[in-house]
């Protein structure tokens, strides 16, 4: 029986997301830090690597009216929801 050659499907290369790069950097940096502690290497080269910035948080809290609706809905489901009466 002969081997059958199967070619890869065509694809488009895309860059990794910044969050994926940060995750990879975290993992590699931790592994290299362990190698430094175990004296397998003298320094951690990941400390000088530039990683993408973490974006500033943009919280979108509910408005007072929306918060009131959330609390009202919780009270309708369970009257003891916000009661801290021991």
N, C-alpha and C. Protein backbone atom coordinates (compact mmCIF):
# COMPACT_ATOMS: atom_id res chain seq x y z
N UNK A 1 0.84 -1.17 0.00
CA UNK A 1 0.00 0.00 0.00
C UNK A 1 0.89 1.24 0.00
N UNK A 2 0.54 2.22 -0.81
CA UNK A 2 1.34 3.44 -0.92
C UNK A 2 0.84 4.49 0.07
N UNK A 3 1.73 5.34 0.47
CA UNK A 3 1.36 6.45 1.35
C UNK A 3 0.55 7.47 0.54
N UNK A 4 -0.43 8.04 1.18
CA UNK A 4 -1.23 9.07 0.54
C UNK A 4 -0.82 10.43 1.09
N UNK A 5 -0.50 11.34 0.21
CA UNK A 5 -0.07 12.68 0.62
C UNK A 5 -1.32 13.56 0.70
N UNK A 6 -1.52 14.14 1.86
CA UNK A 6 -2.64 15.05 2.06
C UNK A 6 -2.06 16.43 2.34
N UNK A 7 -2.44 17.39 1.53
CA UNK A 7 -1.92 18.73 1.71
C UNK A 7 -2.78 19.52 2.69
N UNK A 8 -2.15 20.46 3.35
CA UNK A 8 -2.87 21.34 4.28
C UNK A 8 -3.84 22.21 3.51
N UNK A 9 -4.93 22.54 4.17
CA UNK A 9 -5.90 23.46 3.59
C UNK A 9 -5.29 24.85 3.54
N UNK A 10 -5.63 25.63 2.53
CA UNK A 10 -5.12 27.01 2.49
C UNK A 10 -5.61 27.79 3.71
N UNK A 11 -4.77 28.65 4.22
CA UNK A 11 -5.14 29.45 5.38
C UNK A 11 -4.51 30.84 5.28
N UNK A 12 -5.00 31.72 6.10
CA UNK A 12 -4.47 33.07 6.16
C UNK A 12 -3.84 33.24 7.54
N UNK A 13 -2.56 33.58 7.56
CA UNK A 13 -1.88 33.80 8.84
C UNK A 13 -2.36 35.12 9.44
N UNK A 14 -2.68 35.09 10.72
CA UNK A 14 -3.09 36.30 11.42
C UNK A 14 -2.22 36.46 12.66
N UNK A 15 -1.92 37.68 13.05
CA UNK A 15 -1.12 37.88 14.26
C UNK A 15 -1.90 37.45 15.50
N UNK A 16 -1.16 37.08 16.53
CA UNK A 16 -1.78 36.70 17.79
C UNK A 16 -2.37 37.94 18.47
N UNK A 17 -3.41 37.73 19.23
CA UNK A 17 -4.01 38.83 20.01
C UNK A 17 -3.04 39.24 21.12
N UNK A 18 -3.11 40.49 21.51
CA UNK A 18 -2.23 41.00 22.57
C UNK A 18 -2.40 40.20 23.85
N UNK A 19 -3.62 39.81 24.19
CA UNK A 19 -3.84 39.05 25.42
C UNK A 19 -3.18 37.67 25.33
N UNK A 20 -3.17 37.06 24.14
CA UNK A 20 -2.50 35.77 23.96
C UNK A 20 -1.00 35.93 24.14
N UNK A 21 -0.45 37.00 23.60
CA UNK A 21 0.99 37.25 23.75
C UNK A 21 1.33 37.45 25.22
N UNK A 22 0.49 38.19 25.96
CA UNK A 22 0.75 38.38 27.40
C UNK A 22 0.69 37.05 28.14
N UNK A 23 -0.26 36.18 27.79
CA UNK A 23 -0.37 34.86 28.43
C UNK A 23 0.87 34.02 28.16
N UNK A 24 1.33 34.02 26.92
CA UNK A 24 2.53 33.26 26.56
C UNK A 24 3.75 33.81 27.30
N UNK A 25 3.87 35.13 27.36
CA UNK A 25 4.99 35.76 28.07
C UNK A 25 4.97 35.37 29.55
N UNK A 26 3.79 35.38 30.16
CA UNK A 26 3.67 35.01 31.57
C UNK A 26 4.17 33.58 31.79
N UNK A 27 3.75 32.65 30.92
CA UNK A 27 4.13 31.25 31.07
C UNK A 27 5.63 31.06 30.87
N UNK A 28 6.16 31.64 29.81
CA UNK A 28 7.60 31.49 29.54
C UNK A 28 8.43 32.15 30.64
N UNK A 29 8.00 33.33 31.08
CA UNK A 29 8.73 34.03 32.13
C UNK A 29 8.75 33.22 33.43
N UNK A 30 7.62 32.60 33.76
CA UNK A 30 7.57 31.78 34.98
C UNK A 30 8.50 30.57 34.86
N UNK A 31 8.51 29.94 33.70
CA UNK A 31 9.39 28.78 33.50
C UNK A 31 10.86 29.19 33.60
N UNK A 32 11.19 30.32 33.00
CA UNK A 32 12.59 30.78 33.05
C UNK A 32 12.97 31.24 34.46
N UNK A 33 12.03 31.79 35.21
CA UNK A 33 12.31 32.17 36.60
C UNK A 33 12.63 30.92 37.43
N UNK A 34 11.91 29.85 37.17
CA UNK A 34 12.20 28.59 37.86
C UNK A 34 13.60 28.09 37.48
N UNK A 35 13.94 28.22 36.21
CA UNK A 35 15.27 27.79 35.77
C UNK A 35 16.37 28.60 36.45
N UNK A 36 16.13 29.88 36.69
CA UNK A 36 17.10 30.72 37.42
C UNK A 36 17.21 30.23 38.87
N UNK A 37 16.05 29.98 39.52
CA UNK A 37 16.07 29.49 40.90
C UNK A 37 16.82 28.17 41.02
N UNK A 38 16.66 27.31 40.04
CA UNK A 38 17.32 26.00 40.07
C UNK A 38 18.75 26.06 39.55
N UNK A 39 19.19 27.30 39.23
CA UNK A 39 20.55 27.55 38.76
C UNK A 39 20.87 26.83 37.46
N UNK A 40 19.87 26.67 36.60
CA UNK A 40 20.10 26.10 35.27
C UNK A 40 20.56 27.19 34.31
N UNK A 41 20.09 28.43 34.58
CA UNK A 41 20.53 29.58 33.78
C UNK A 41 20.85 30.71 34.76
N UNK A 42 21.62 31.70 34.30
CA UNK A 42 22.05 32.78 35.20
C UNK A 42 21.01 33.90 35.31
N UNK A 43 20.30 34.18 34.25
CA UNK A 43 19.30 35.25 34.30
C UNK A 43 18.11 34.89 33.42
N UNK A 44 17.02 35.56 33.66
CA UNK A 44 15.78 35.32 32.94
C UNK A 44 15.69 36.27 31.75
N UNK A 45 15.87 35.78 30.52
CA UNK A 45 15.82 36.68 29.37
C UNK A 45 14.43 37.25 29.12
N UNK A 46 13.39 36.67 29.70
CA UNK A 46 12.03 37.18 29.49
C UNK A 46 11.82 38.51 30.21
N UNK A 47 12.68 38.85 31.16
CA UNK A 47 12.49 40.12 31.88
C UNK A 47 12.73 41.33 30.99
N UNK A 48 13.48 41.16 29.91
CA UNK A 48 13.74 42.28 29.01
C UNK A 48 12.85 42.27 27.78
N UNK A 49 12.03 41.23 27.64
CA UNK A 49 11.13 41.15 26.48
C UNK A 49 10.02 42.19 26.63
N UNK A 50 9.66 42.81 25.52
CA UNK A 50 8.57 43.78 25.54
C UNK A 50 7.26 43.05 25.26
N UNK A 51 6.32 43.22 26.13
CA UNK A 51 5.02 42.59 25.91
C UNK A 51 3.98 43.69 25.69
N UNK A 52 2.87 43.36 25.05
CA UNK A 52 1.85 44.38 24.80
C UNK A 52 1.28 44.93 26.11
N UNK A 53 0.93 46.20 26.09
CA UNK A 53 0.32 46.80 27.28
C UNK A 53 -1.05 46.20 27.55
N UNK A 54 -1.37 46.16 28.82
CA UNK A 54 -2.72 45.76 29.21
C UNK A 54 -3.61 46.98 29.03
N UNK A 55 -4.71 46.82 28.31
CA UNK A 55 -5.57 47.99 28.09
C UNK A 55 -6.17 48.50 29.40
N UNK A 56 -6.38 49.79 29.47
CA UNK A 56 -7.00 50.38 30.65
C UNK A 56 -8.45 49.87 30.76
N UNK A 57 -8.88 49.53 31.96
CA UNK A 57 -10.24 49.04 32.11
C UNK A 57 -11.25 50.13 31.76
N UNK A 58 -12.33 49.72 31.16
CA UNK A 58 -13.41 50.64 30.82
C UNK A 58 -14.71 50.11 31.42
N UNK A 59 -14.85 50.20 32.73
CA UNK A 59 -16.04 49.64 33.36
C UNK A 59 -17.31 50.36 32.91
N UNK A 60 -18.38 49.63 32.82
CA UNK A 60 -19.67 50.20 32.46
C UNK A 60 -20.69 49.76 33.51
N UNK A 61 -20.64 50.37 34.69
CA UNK A 61 -21.57 49.97 35.74
C UNK A 61 -23.00 50.35 35.36
N UNK A 62 -23.96 49.68 35.95
CA UNK A 62 -25.34 50.03 35.65
C UNK A 62 -25.67 51.43 36.18
N UNK A 63 -26.62 52.05 35.53
CA UNK A 63 -27.10 53.35 36.01
C UNK A 63 -27.87 53.10 37.30
N UNK A 64 -28.14 54.14 38.08
CA UNK A 64 -28.94 53.94 39.29
C UNK A 64 -30.30 53.30 38.97
N UNK A 65 -30.90 53.68 37.85
CA UNK A 65 -32.19 53.10 37.48
C UNK A 65 -32.05 51.61 37.16
N UNK A 66 -30.99 51.24 36.44
CA UNK A 66 -30.76 49.83 36.12
C UNK A 66 -30.46 49.03 37.38
N UNK A 67 -29.68 49.61 38.28
CA UNK A 67 -29.36 48.93 39.54
C UNK A 67 -30.63 48.69 40.35
N UNK A 68 -31.51 49.67 40.37
CA UNK A 68 -32.78 49.52 41.10
C UNK A 68 -33.60 48.39 40.51
N UNK A 69 -33.61 48.26 39.18
CA UNK A 69 -34.36 47.17 38.54
C UNK A 69 -33.75 45.82 38.88
N UNK A 70 -32.42 45.74 38.93
CA UNK A 70 -31.75 44.49 39.28
C UNK A 70 -32.12 44.07 40.70
N UNK A 71 -32.05 45.04 41.63
CA UNK A 71 -32.39 44.74 43.03
C UNK A 71 -33.86 44.34 43.15
N UNK A 72 -34.73 45.04 42.47
CA UNK A 72 -36.16 44.71 42.51
C UNK A 72 -36.41 43.30 41.99
N UNK A 73 -35.75 42.94 40.89
CA UNK A 73 -35.91 41.59 40.33
C UNK A 73 -35.40 40.54 41.32
N UNK A 74 -34.29 40.83 41.99
CA UNK A 74 -33.75 39.88 42.98
C UNK A 74 -34.72 39.73 44.14
N UNK A 75 -35.32 40.82 44.61
CA UNK A 75 -36.29 40.76 45.72
C UNK A 75 -37.50 39.94 45.31
N UNK A 76 -37.94 40.06 44.05
CA UNK A 76 -39.11 39.31 43.60
C UNK A 76 -38.82 37.81 43.55
N UNK A 77 -37.58 37.45 43.29
CA UNK A 77 -37.23 36.03 43.25
C UNK A 77 -37.05 35.46 44.65
N UNK A 78 -36.53 36.26 45.58
CA UNK A 78 -36.26 35.77 46.93
C UNK A 78 -36.22 36.96 47.88
N UNK A 79 -37.22 37.06 48.77
CA UNK A 79 -37.29 38.20 49.67
C UNK A 79 -36.11 38.29 50.63
N UNK A 80 -35.47 37.16 50.90
CA UNK A 80 -34.33 37.15 51.82
C UNK A 80 -33.03 37.53 51.12
N UNK A 81 -33.09 37.84 49.84
CA UNK A 81 -31.88 38.10 49.05
C UNK A 81 -30.95 39.10 49.71
N UNK A 82 -31.44 40.23 50.16
CA UNK A 82 -30.57 41.26 50.73
C UNK A 82 -30.70 41.37 52.23
N UNK A 83 -31.38 40.46 52.82
CA UNK A 83 -31.56 40.52 54.28
C UNK A 83 -30.38 39.90 54.98
N UNK A 84 -29.73 40.68 55.83
CA UNK A 84 -28.60 40.13 56.60
C UNK A 84 -29.02 40.01 58.06
N UNK A 85 -30.20 39.46 58.27
CA UNK A 85 -30.74 39.37 59.62
C UNK A 85 -30.39 38.06 60.31
N UNK A 86 -29.27 37.51 60.05
CA UNK A 86 -28.75 36.37 60.76
C UNK A 86 -29.54 35.18 60.66
